[in-house]
Amino acid sequence: MMVRPTTSQLLRDVRHELVETIAPEVTTATARVALEQIDIILEQCAVRADHEIAWMGEEIAEIDDFAGRVIDRTGDEPTAAALRAARHEASGSLALESMCDDYNRMSAALSCAIEACMGQPDRADLLAEAIGILQTRRSERELVVRANWRLVGRG
């Protein structure tokens, strides 16, 4: 009986079966490499499943705050319109598809905010912050997802 039937646990259980039951029966090098690739992908999916909704929620809040400050400082109407739309259409649901929709709408507001800051020397600090949202947060999270990466076929 599975006491914690989360998506990540199900993926890790599949990984365990692949390694313990199927891998010993696989004899060709090509199939072994394919099995290792599958194992890596399953682990990355498990890590992502553990965090994906929380990460999107955190980034949505960060973008909302940032876009609001860009509007306060610049009065940029496209950013204001995109932020209003993102807030108005926010589902409030934690279902993955709904969160993805909310995230995409808020990302549109971020794009507008970035455009409002580009080429404006007095807004360089805001542009640097936007780059931080895009680069730092996302690359940090990608490092978490890829933590168990290894060269396939090398053991």
N, C-alpha and C. Protein backbone atom coordinates (compact mmCIF):
# COMPACT_ATOMS: atom_id res chain seq x y z
N MET A 1 0.84 -1.17 0.00
CA MET A 1 0.00 0.00 0.00
C MET A 1 0.89 1.25 0.00
N MET A 2 0.54 2.17 -0.86
CA MET A 2 1.29 3.42 -0.96
C MET A 2 0.68 4.43 0.00
N VAL A 3 1.49 4.91 0.94
CA VAL A 3 0.98 5.84 1.95
C VAL A 3 1.07 7.30 1.50
N ARG A 4 1.83 7.54 0.45
CA ARG A 4 2.01 8.91 -0.03
C ARG A 4 1.93 8.92 -1.56
N PRO A 5 0.74 8.84 -2.11
CA PRO A 5 0.59 8.68 -3.57
C PRO A 5 0.70 9.99 -4.36
N THR A 6 1.78 10.71 -4.14
CA THR A 6 1.99 11.94 -4.90
C THR A 6 2.55 11.59 -6.28
N THR A 7 2.46 12.53 -7.18
CA THR A 7 3.01 12.31 -8.52
C THR A 7 4.49 12.00 -8.43
N SER A 8 5.22 12.75 -7.62
CA SER A 8 6.66 12.50 -7.51
C SER A 8 6.95 11.11 -6.97
N GLN A 9 6.16 10.66 -6.00
CA GLN A 9 6.38 9.33 -5.45
C GLN A 9 6.06 8.25 -6.48
N LEU A 10 5.00 8.45 -7.23
CA LEU A 10 4.67 7.49 -8.29
C LEU A 10 5.80 7.40 -9.32
N LEU A 11 6.34 8.55 -9.70
CA LEU A 11 7.45 8.55 -10.65
C LEU A 11 8.68 7.86 -10.08
N ARG A 12 8.95 8.09 -8.81
CA ARG A 12 10.11 7.44 -8.18
C ARG A 12 9.88 5.93 -8.04
N ASP A 13 8.65 5.52 -7.82
CA ASP A 13 8.35 4.08 -7.77
C ASP A 13 8.57 3.43 -9.14
N VAL A 14 8.18 4.14 -10.20
CA VAL A 14 8.43 3.63 -11.55
C VAL A 14 9.93 3.53 -11.79
N ARG A 15 10.68 4.54 -11.38
CA ARG A 15 12.14 4.51 -11.52
C ARG A 15 12.72 3.29 -10.80
N HIS A 16 12.25 3.07 -9.59
CA HIS A 16 12.75 1.93 -8.81
C HIS A 16 12.49 0.62 -9.56
N GLU A 17 11.29 0.45 -10.09
CA GLU A 17 10.97 -0.78 -10.83
C GLU A 17 11.84 -0.92 -12.08
N LEU A 18 12.06 0.20 -12.76
CA LEU A 18 12.92 0.14 -13.94
C LEU A 18 14.33 -0.31 -13.58
N VAL A 19 14.87 0.25 -12.51
CA VAL A 19 16.24 -0.07 -12.10
C VAL A 19 16.35 -1.48 -11.53
N GLU A 20 15.41 -1.85 -10.68
CA GLU A 20 15.51 -3.13 -9.98
C GLU A 20 14.99 -4.33 -10.78
N THR A 21 13.97 -4.13 -11.59
CA THR A 21 13.32 -5.25 -12.27
C THR A 21 13.66 -5.33 -13.75
N ILE A 22 13.63 -4.21 -14.42
CA ILE A 22 13.80 -4.23 -15.87
C ILE A 22 15.26 -4.11 -16.28
N ALA A 23 16.00 -3.22 -15.67
CA ALA A 23 17.40 -3.00 -16.07
C ALA A 23 18.23 -4.28 -16.07
N PRO A 24 18.11 -5.16 -15.08
CA PRO A 24 18.92 -6.39 -15.11
C PRO A 24 18.61 -7.28 -16.31
N GLU A 25 17.42 -7.13 -16.90
CA GLU A 25 17.04 -7.96 -18.04
C GLU A 25 17.46 -7.35 -19.38
N VAL A 26 17.87 -6.10 -19.35
CA VAL A 26 18.24 -5.40 -20.59
C VAL A 26 19.70 -5.74 -20.91
N THR A 27 19.92 -6.22 -22.12
CA THR A 27 21.26 -6.69 -22.47
C THR A 27 21.98 -5.82 -23.49
N THR A 28 21.26 -5.12 -24.33
CA THR A 28 21.94 -4.33 -25.37
C THR A 28 22.34 -2.96 -24.82
N ALA A 29 23.47 -2.49 -25.30
CA ALA A 29 23.98 -1.18 -24.85
C ALA A 29 23.01 -0.06 -25.21
N THR A 30 22.42 -0.13 -26.37
CA THR A 30 21.48 0.91 -26.81
C THR A 30 20.27 0.96 -25.88
N ALA A 31 19.74 -0.18 -25.53
CA ALA A 31 18.58 -0.22 -24.64
C ALA A 31 18.96 0.25 -23.24
N ARG A 32 20.17 -0.09 -22.78
CA ARG A 32 20.61 0.36 -21.45
C ARG A 32 20.73 1.88 -21.40
N VAL A 33 21.28 2.48 -22.46
CA VAL A 33 21.39 3.94 -22.53
C VAL A 33 19.99 4.56 -22.54
N ALA A 34 19.09 3.99 -23.31
CA ALA A 34 17.71 4.50 -23.36
C ALA A 34 17.07 4.41 -21.97
N LEU A 35 17.31 3.34 -21.26
CA LEU A 35 16.77 3.16 -19.92
C LEU A 35 17.34 4.21 -18.96
N GLU A 36 18.63 4.49 -19.07
CA GLU A 36 19.24 5.53 -18.24
C GLU A 36 18.64 6.90 -18.55
N GLN A 37 18.41 7.18 -19.83
CA GLN A 37 17.79 8.45 -20.21
C GLN A 37 16.39 8.57 -19.62
N ILE A 38 15.65 7.50 -19.67
CA ILE A 38 14.30 7.49 -19.10
C ILE A 38 14.37 7.73 -17.59
N ASP A 39 15.33 7.11 -16.93
CA ASP A 39 15.49 7.29 -15.49
C ASP A 39 15.76 8.76 -15.14
N ILE A 40 16.65 9.40 -15.89
CA ILE A 40 16.96 10.81 -15.65
C ILE A 40 15.71 11.68 -15.84
N ILE A 41 14.99 11.43 -16.90
CA ILE A 41 13.78 12.22 -17.18
C ILE A 41 12.74 12.01 -16.08
N LEU A 42 12.56 10.79 -15.65
CA LEU A 42 11.59 10.52 -14.59
C LEU A 42 11.96 11.23 -13.29
N GLU A 43 13.25 11.25 -12.96
CA GLU A 43 13.67 11.94 -11.74
C GLU A 43 13.45 13.44 -11.87
N GLN A 44 13.78 14.00 -13.02
CA GLN A 44 13.55 15.44 -13.22
C GLN A 44 12.06 15.77 -13.16
N CYS A 45 11.23 14.92 -13.69
CA CYS A 45 9.77 15.12 -13.60
C CYS A 45 9.30 15.04 -12.15
N ALA A 46 9.87 14.13 -11.38
CA ALA A 46 9.50 14.00 -9.97
C ALA A 46 9.86 15.27 -9.20
N VAL A 47 11.05 15.79 -9.42
CA VAL A 47 11.47 17.02 -8.74
C VAL A 47 10.55 18.17 -9.15
N ARG A 48 10.30 18.29 -10.43
CA ARG A 48 9.44 19.36 -10.93
C ARG A 48 8.02 19.23 -10.34
N ALA A 49 7.51 18.02 -10.27
CA ALA A 49 6.17 17.80 -9.72
C ALA A 49 6.08 18.24 -8.26
N ASP A 50 7.17 18.07 -7.53
CA ASP A 50 7.20 18.48 -6.12
C ASP A 50 7.10 19.99 -5.94
N HIS A 51 7.58 20.75 -6.93
CA HIS A 51 7.73 22.20 -6.75
C HIS A 51 6.99 23.08 -7.74
N GLU A 52 6.58 22.55 -8.85
CA GLU A 52 6.13 23.36 -9.98
C GLU A 52 5.05 24.39 -9.64
N ILE A 53 4.02 23.99 -8.96
CA ILE A 53 2.93 24.92 -8.64
C ILE A 53 3.41 26.00 -7.68
N ALA A 54 4.17 25.62 -6.68
CA ALA A 54 4.71 26.61 -5.74
C ALA A 54 5.62 27.59 -6.45
N TRP A 55 6.48 27.09 -7.33
CA TRP A 55 7.38 27.97 -8.06
C TRP A 55 6.61 28.97 -8.91
N MET A 56 5.57 28.49 -9.60
CA MET A 56 4.78 29.41 -10.41
C MET A 56 4.09 30.44 -9.53
N GLY A 57 3.54 30.01 -8.42
CA GLY A 57 2.87 30.95 -7.50
C GLY A 57 3.82 32.01 -6.99
N GLU A 58 5.03 31.61 -6.62
CA GLU A 58 6.02 32.57 -6.13
C GLU A 58 6.39 33.57 -7.22
N GLU A 59 6.58 33.06 -8.43
CA GLU A 59 6.99 33.94 -9.52
C GLU A 59 5.84 34.87 -9.94
N ILE A 60 4.62 34.37 -9.91
CA ILE A 60 3.46 35.22 -10.21
C ILE A 60 3.42 36.39 -9.24
N ALA A 61 3.59 36.12 -7.96
CA ALA A 61 3.57 37.18 -6.95
C ALA A 61 4.73 38.16 -7.16
N GLU A 62 5.90 37.64 -7.48
CA GLU A 62 7.06 38.49 -7.70
C GLU A 62 6.86 39.39 -8.93
N ILE A 63 6.32 38.82 -10.00
CA ILE A 63 6.07 39.60 -11.21
C ILE A 63 4.99 40.65 -10.95
N ASP A 64 3.95 40.26 -10.25
CA ASP A 64 2.86 41.20 -9.92
C ASP A 64 3.43 42.41 -9.19
N ASP A 65 4.25 42.16 -8.18
CA ASP A 65 4.86 43.25 -7.41
C ASP A 65 5.76 44.11 -8.31
N PHE A 66 6.58 43.45 -9.11
CA PHE A 66 7.49 44.18 -9.98
C PHE A 66 6.74 45.03 -11.00
N ALA A 67 5.77 44.44 -11.68
CA ALA A 67 5.01 45.19 -12.69
C ALA A 67 4.29 46.37 -12.05
N GLY A 68 3.78 46.19 -10.84
CA GLY A 68 3.13 47.29 -10.13
C GLY A 68 4.09 48.44 -9.87
N ARG A 69 5.32 48.10 -9.51
CA ARG A 69 6.32 49.16 -9.27
C ARG A 69 6.72 49.86 -10.56
N VAL A 70 6.78 49.10 -11.65
CA VAL A 70 7.09 49.71 -12.96
C VAL A 70 5.98 50.69 -13.33
N ILE A 71 4.74 50.30 -13.11
CA ILE A 71 3.60 51.18 -13.42
C ILE A 71 3.66 52.43 -12.56
N ASP A 72 3.92 52.25 -11.25
CA ASP A 72 4.01 53.41 -10.35
C ASP A 72 5.08 54.39 -10.80
N ARG A 73 6.18 53.86 -11.27
CA ARG A 73 7.31 54.71 -11.62
C ARG A 73 7.22 55.29 -13.04
N THR A 74 6.61 54.54 -13.96
CA THR A 74 6.62 54.96 -15.36
C THR A 74 5.25 55.37 -15.89
N GLY A 75 4.19 54.88 -15.26
CA GLY A 75 2.85 55.13 -15.79
C GLY A 75 2.58 54.40 -17.09
N ASP A 76 3.37 53.38 -17.39
CA ASP A 76 3.26 52.67 -18.67
C ASP A 76 1.90 51.98 -18.82
N GLU A 77 1.12 52.41 -19.79
CA GLU A 77 -0.23 51.88 -19.98
C GLU A 77 -0.26 50.43 -20.45
N PRO A 78 0.60 49.99 -21.39
CA PRO A 78 0.56 48.57 -21.77
C PRO A 78 0.85 47.64 -20.57
N THR A 79 1.77 48.03 -19.71
CA THR A 79 2.05 47.23 -18.52
C THR A 79 0.84 47.24 -17.60
N ALA A 80 0.24 48.40 -17.42
CA ALA A 80 -0.95 48.50 -16.55
C ALA A 80 -2.08 47.63 -17.09
N ALA A 81 -2.30 47.67 -18.40
CA ALA A 81 -3.38 46.87 -18.99
C ALA A 81 -3.10 45.38 -18.84
N ALA A 82 -1.86 44.98 -19.10
CA ALA A 82 -1.51 43.56 -18.97
C ALA A 82 -1.63 43.09 -17.52
N LEU A 83 -1.23 43.94 -16.58
CA LEU A 83 -1.32 43.56 -15.17
C LEU A 83 -2.79 43.48 -14.72
N ARG A 84 -3.59 44.45 -15.17
CA ARG A 84 -5.03 44.39 -14.83
C ARG A 84 -5.65 43.11 -15.38
N ALA A 85 -5.33 42.77 -16.61
CA ALA A 85 -5.88 41.55 -17.22
C ALA A 85 -5.43 40.31 -16.46
N ALA A 86 -4.15 40.27 -16.10
CA ALA A 86 -3.63 39.10 -15.37
C ALA A 86 -4.33 38.96 -14.02
N ARG A 87 -4.50 40.07 -13.34
CA ARG A 87 -5.17 40.02 -12.03
C ARG A 87 -6.65 39.66 -12.18
N HIS A 88 -7.30 40.27 -13.17
CA HIS A 88 -8.74 40.05 -13.36
C HIS A 88 -9.05 38.61 -13.76
N GLU A 89 -8.18 38.03 -14.59
CA GLU A 89 -8.43 36.69 -15.10
C GLU A 89 -7.79 35.59 -14.24
N ALA A 90 -7.14 35.97 -13.16
CA ALA A 90 -6.51 34.97 -12.28
C ALA A 90 -7.57 34.01 -11.77
N SER A 91 -7.30 32.75 -11.88
CA SER A 91 -8.28 31.74 -11.51
C SER A 91 -8.39 31.51 -10.01
N GLY A 92 -7.29 31.69 -9.31
CA GLY A 92 -7.27 31.38 -7.88
C GLY A 92 -7.18 29.89 -7.62
N SER A 93 -7.08 29.11 -8.67
CA SER A 93 -7.01 27.66 -8.55
C SER A 93 -5.56 27.20 -8.49
N LEU A 94 -5.33 26.11 -7.78
CA LEU A 94 -4.01 25.51 -7.74
C LEU A 94 -3.87 24.36 -8.74
N ALA A 95 -4.90 24.15 -9.56
CA ALA A 95 -4.80 23.13 -10.60
C ALA A 95 -3.70 23.55 -11.56
N LEU A 96 -2.89 22.61 -12.00
CA LEU A 96 -1.72 22.92 -12.81
C LEU A 96 -2.07 23.72 -14.05
N GLU A 97 -3.07 23.32 -14.80
CA GLU A 97 -3.42 24.04 -16.02
C GLU A 97 -3.84 25.48 -15.72
N SER A 98 -4.60 25.68 -14.66
CA SER A 98 -5.01 27.03 -14.26
C SER A 98 -3.81 27.87 -13.86
N MET A 99 -2.90 27.27 -13.09
CA MET A 99 -1.69 27.99 -12.70
C MET A 99 -0.86 28.37 -13.92
N CYS A 100 -0.77 27.47 -14.88
CA CYS A 100 -0.03 27.78 -16.11
C CYS A 100 -0.66 28.95 -16.84
N ASP A 101 -1.99 28.98 -16.91
CA ASP A 101 -2.68 30.10 -17.55
C ASP A 101 -2.40 31.40 -16.80
N ASP A 102 -2.50 31.36 -15.48
CA ASP A 102 -2.21 32.55 -14.66
C ASP A 102 -0.76 33.00 -14.86
N TYR A 103 0.13 32.05 -14.90
CA TYR A 103 1.55 32.33 -15.07
C TYR A 103 1.81 32.99 -16.43
N ASN A 104 1.17 32.46 -17.46
CA ASN A 104 1.36 33.02 -18.80
C ASN A 104 0.83 34.45 -18.88
N ARG A 105 -0.31 34.70 -18.27
CA ARG A 105 -0.85 36.07 -18.28
C ARG A 105 0.06 37.02 -17.52
N MET A 106 0.58 36.58 -16.39
CA MET A 106 1.47 37.44 -15.62
C MET A 106 2.80 37.62 -16.36
N SER A 107 3.23 36.61 -17.09
CA SER A 107 4.45 36.74 -17.89
C SER A 107 4.26 37.80 -18.98
N ALA A 108 3.06 37.92 -19.51
CA ALA A 108 2.78 38.98 -20.49
C ALA A 108 2.95 40.35 -19.85
N ALA A 109 2.51 40.50 -18.61
CA ALA A 109 2.69 41.76 -17.88
C ALA A 109 4.18 42.03 -17.67
N LEU A 110 4.95 40.98 -17.37
CA LEU A 110 6.40 41.14 -17.20
C LEU A 110 7.04 41.60 -18.51
N SER A 111 6.62 41.03 -19.61
CA SER A 111 7.16 41.44 -20.92
C SER A 111 6.90 42.91 -21.17
N CYS A 112 5.69 43.36 -20.88
CA CYS A 112 5.36 44.78 -21.06
C CYS A 112 6.22 45.65 -20.13
N ALA A 113 6.39 45.22 -18.90
CA ALA A 113 7.19 45.98 -17.95
C ALA A 113 8.64 46.07 -18.41
N ILE A 114 9.16 44.99 -18.96
CA ILE A 114 10.53 45.01 -19.47
C ILE A 114 10.64 46.01 -20.63
N GLU A 115 9.68 45.95 -21.52
CA GLU A 115 9.71 46.90 -22.64
C GLU A 115 9.64 48.34 -22.17
N ALA A 116 8.89 48.58 -21.12
CA ALA A 116 8.78 49.95 -20.58
C ALA A 116 10.10 50.43 -20.01
N CYS A 117 10.97 49.52 -19.66
CA CYS A 117 12.26 49.88 -19.05
C CYS A 117 13.41 49.89 -20.03
N MET A 118 13.26 49.24 -21.15
CA MET A 118 14.36 49.13 -22.11
C MET A 118 14.71 50.48 -22.71
N GLY A 119 16.00 50.71 -22.83
CA GLY A 119 16.48 51.92 -23.45
C GLY A 119 16.27 53.19 -22.63
N GLN A 120 15.90 53.03 -21.37
CA GLN A 120 15.68 54.18 -20.49
C GLN A 120 16.71 54.12 -19.36
N PRO A 121 17.74 54.96 -19.43
CA PRO A 121 18.81 54.90 -18.41
C PRO A 121 18.30 55.07 -16.98
N ASP A 122 17.26 55.84 -16.79
CA ASP A 122 16.74 56.05 -15.43
C ASP A 122 15.95 54.85 -14.93
N ARG A 123 15.78 53.85 -15.79
CA ARG A 123 15.05 52.63 -15.39
C ARG A 123 15.95 51.40 -15.42
N ALA A 124 17.24 51.62 -15.46
CA ALA A 124 18.19 50.50 -15.55
C ALA A 124 18.07 49.58 -14.34
N ASP A 125 17.78 50.14 -13.18
CA ASP A 125 17.63 49.30 -11.99
C ASP A 125 16.43 48.37 -12.11
N LEU A 126 15.34 48.87 -12.69
CA LEU A 126 14.15 48.04 -12.90
C LEU A 126 14.44 46.95 -13.93
N LEU A 127 15.15 47.31 -14.99
CA LEU A 127 15.49 46.33 -16.01
C LEU A 127 16.37 45.23 -15.42
N ALA A 128 17.32 45.61 -14.59
CA ALA A 128 18.18 44.62 -13.93
C ALA A 128 17.36 43.69 -13.04
N GLU A 129 16.37 44.25 -12.37
CA GLU A 129 15.50 43.42 -11.52
C GLU A 129 14.70 42.43 -12.36
N ALA A 130 14.20 42.90 -13.51
CA ALA A 130 13.45 42.01 -14.40
C ALA A 130 14.32 40.87 -14.89
N ILE A 131 15.55 41.18 -15.23
CA ILE A 131 16.48 40.15 -15.67
C ILE A 131 16.71 39.15 -14.54
N GLY A 132 16.77 39.66 -13.31
CA GLY A 132 16.91 38.78 -12.15
C GLY A 132 15.74 37.82 -12.01
N ILE A 133 14.54 38.34 -12.24
CA ILE A 133 13.35 37.48 -12.16
C ILE A 133 13.45 36.39 -13.22
N LEU A 134 13.81 36.78 -14.42
CA LEU A 134 13.87 35.82 -15.50
C LEU A 134 15.04 34.85 -15.37
N GLN A 135 16.20 35.39 -15.12
CA GLN A 135 17.41 34.58 -15.15
C GLN A 135 17.68 33.86 -13.85
N THR A 136 17.76 34.60 -12.77
CA THR A 136 18.17 33.99 -11.51
C THR A 136 17.16 32.97 -11.02
N ARG A 137 15.90 33.36 -10.91
CA ARG A 137 14.90 32.43 -10.38
C ARG A 137 14.80 31.18 -11.23
N ARG A 138 14.71 31.39 -12.52
CA ARG A 138 14.50 30.25 -13.40
C ARG A 138 15.73 29.37 -13.49
N SER A 139 16.92 29.96 -13.50
CA SER A 139 18.12 29.13 -13.56
C SER A 139 18.35 28.40 -12.24
N GLU A 140 18.02 29.05 -11.12
CA GLU A 140 18.13 28.37 -9.82
C GLU A 140 17.22 27.15 -9.79
N ARG A 141 16.02 27.32 -10.29
CA ARG A 141 15.06 26.21 -10.28
C ARG A 141 15.47 25.12 -11.24
N GLU A 142 16.04 25.50 -12.36
CA GLU A 142 16.50 24.50 -13.31
C GLU A 142 17.64 23.68 -12.70
N LEU A 143 18.49 24.31 -11.89
CA LEU A 143 19.54 23.57 -11.19
C LEU A 143 18.95 22.56 -10.22
N VAL A 144 17.87 22.92 -9.55
CA VAL A 144 17.20 21.98 -8.65
C VAL A 144 16.67 20.80 -9.44
N VAL A 145 16.04 21.09 -10.57
CA VAL A 145 15.46 20.02 -11.39
C VAL A 145 16.55 19.10 -11.93
N ARG A 146 17.66 19.65 -12.31
CA ARG A 146 18.72 18.86 -12.93
C ARG A 146 19.76 18.35 -11.93
N ALA A 147 19.45 18.39 -10.67
CA ALA A 147 20.43 18.02 -9.63
C ALA A 147 20.99 16.62 -9.81
N ASN A 148 20.20 15.70 -10.30
CA ASN A 148 20.66 14.32 -10.45
C ASN A 148 21.10 13.99 -11.87
N TRP A 149 21.40 15.02 -12.65
CA TRP A 149 21.83 14.79 -14.03
C TRP A 149 23.15 14.05 -14.04
N ARG A 150 23.29 13.19 -15.00
CA ARG A 150 24.55 12.46 -15.17
C ARG A 150 24.71 12.12 -16.64
N LEU A 151 25.93 11.83 -17.04
CA LEU A 151 26.17 11.43 -18.42
C LEU A 151 25.59 10.04 -18.64
N VAL A 152 24.73 9.92 -19.62
CA VAL A 152 24.11 8.64 -19.92
C VAL A 152 25.14 7.71 -20.52
N GLY A 153 25.10 6.45 -20.08
CA GLY A 153 26.03 5.45 -20.58
C GLY A 153 27.35 5.41 -19.84
N ARG A 154 27.48 6.26 -18.82
CA ARG A 154 28.74 6.33 -18.06
C ARG A 154 28.58 5.80 -16.63
N GLY A 155 27.37 5.29 -16.34
CA GLY A 155 27.15 4.72 -15.02
C GLY A 155 26.77 5.72 -14.08
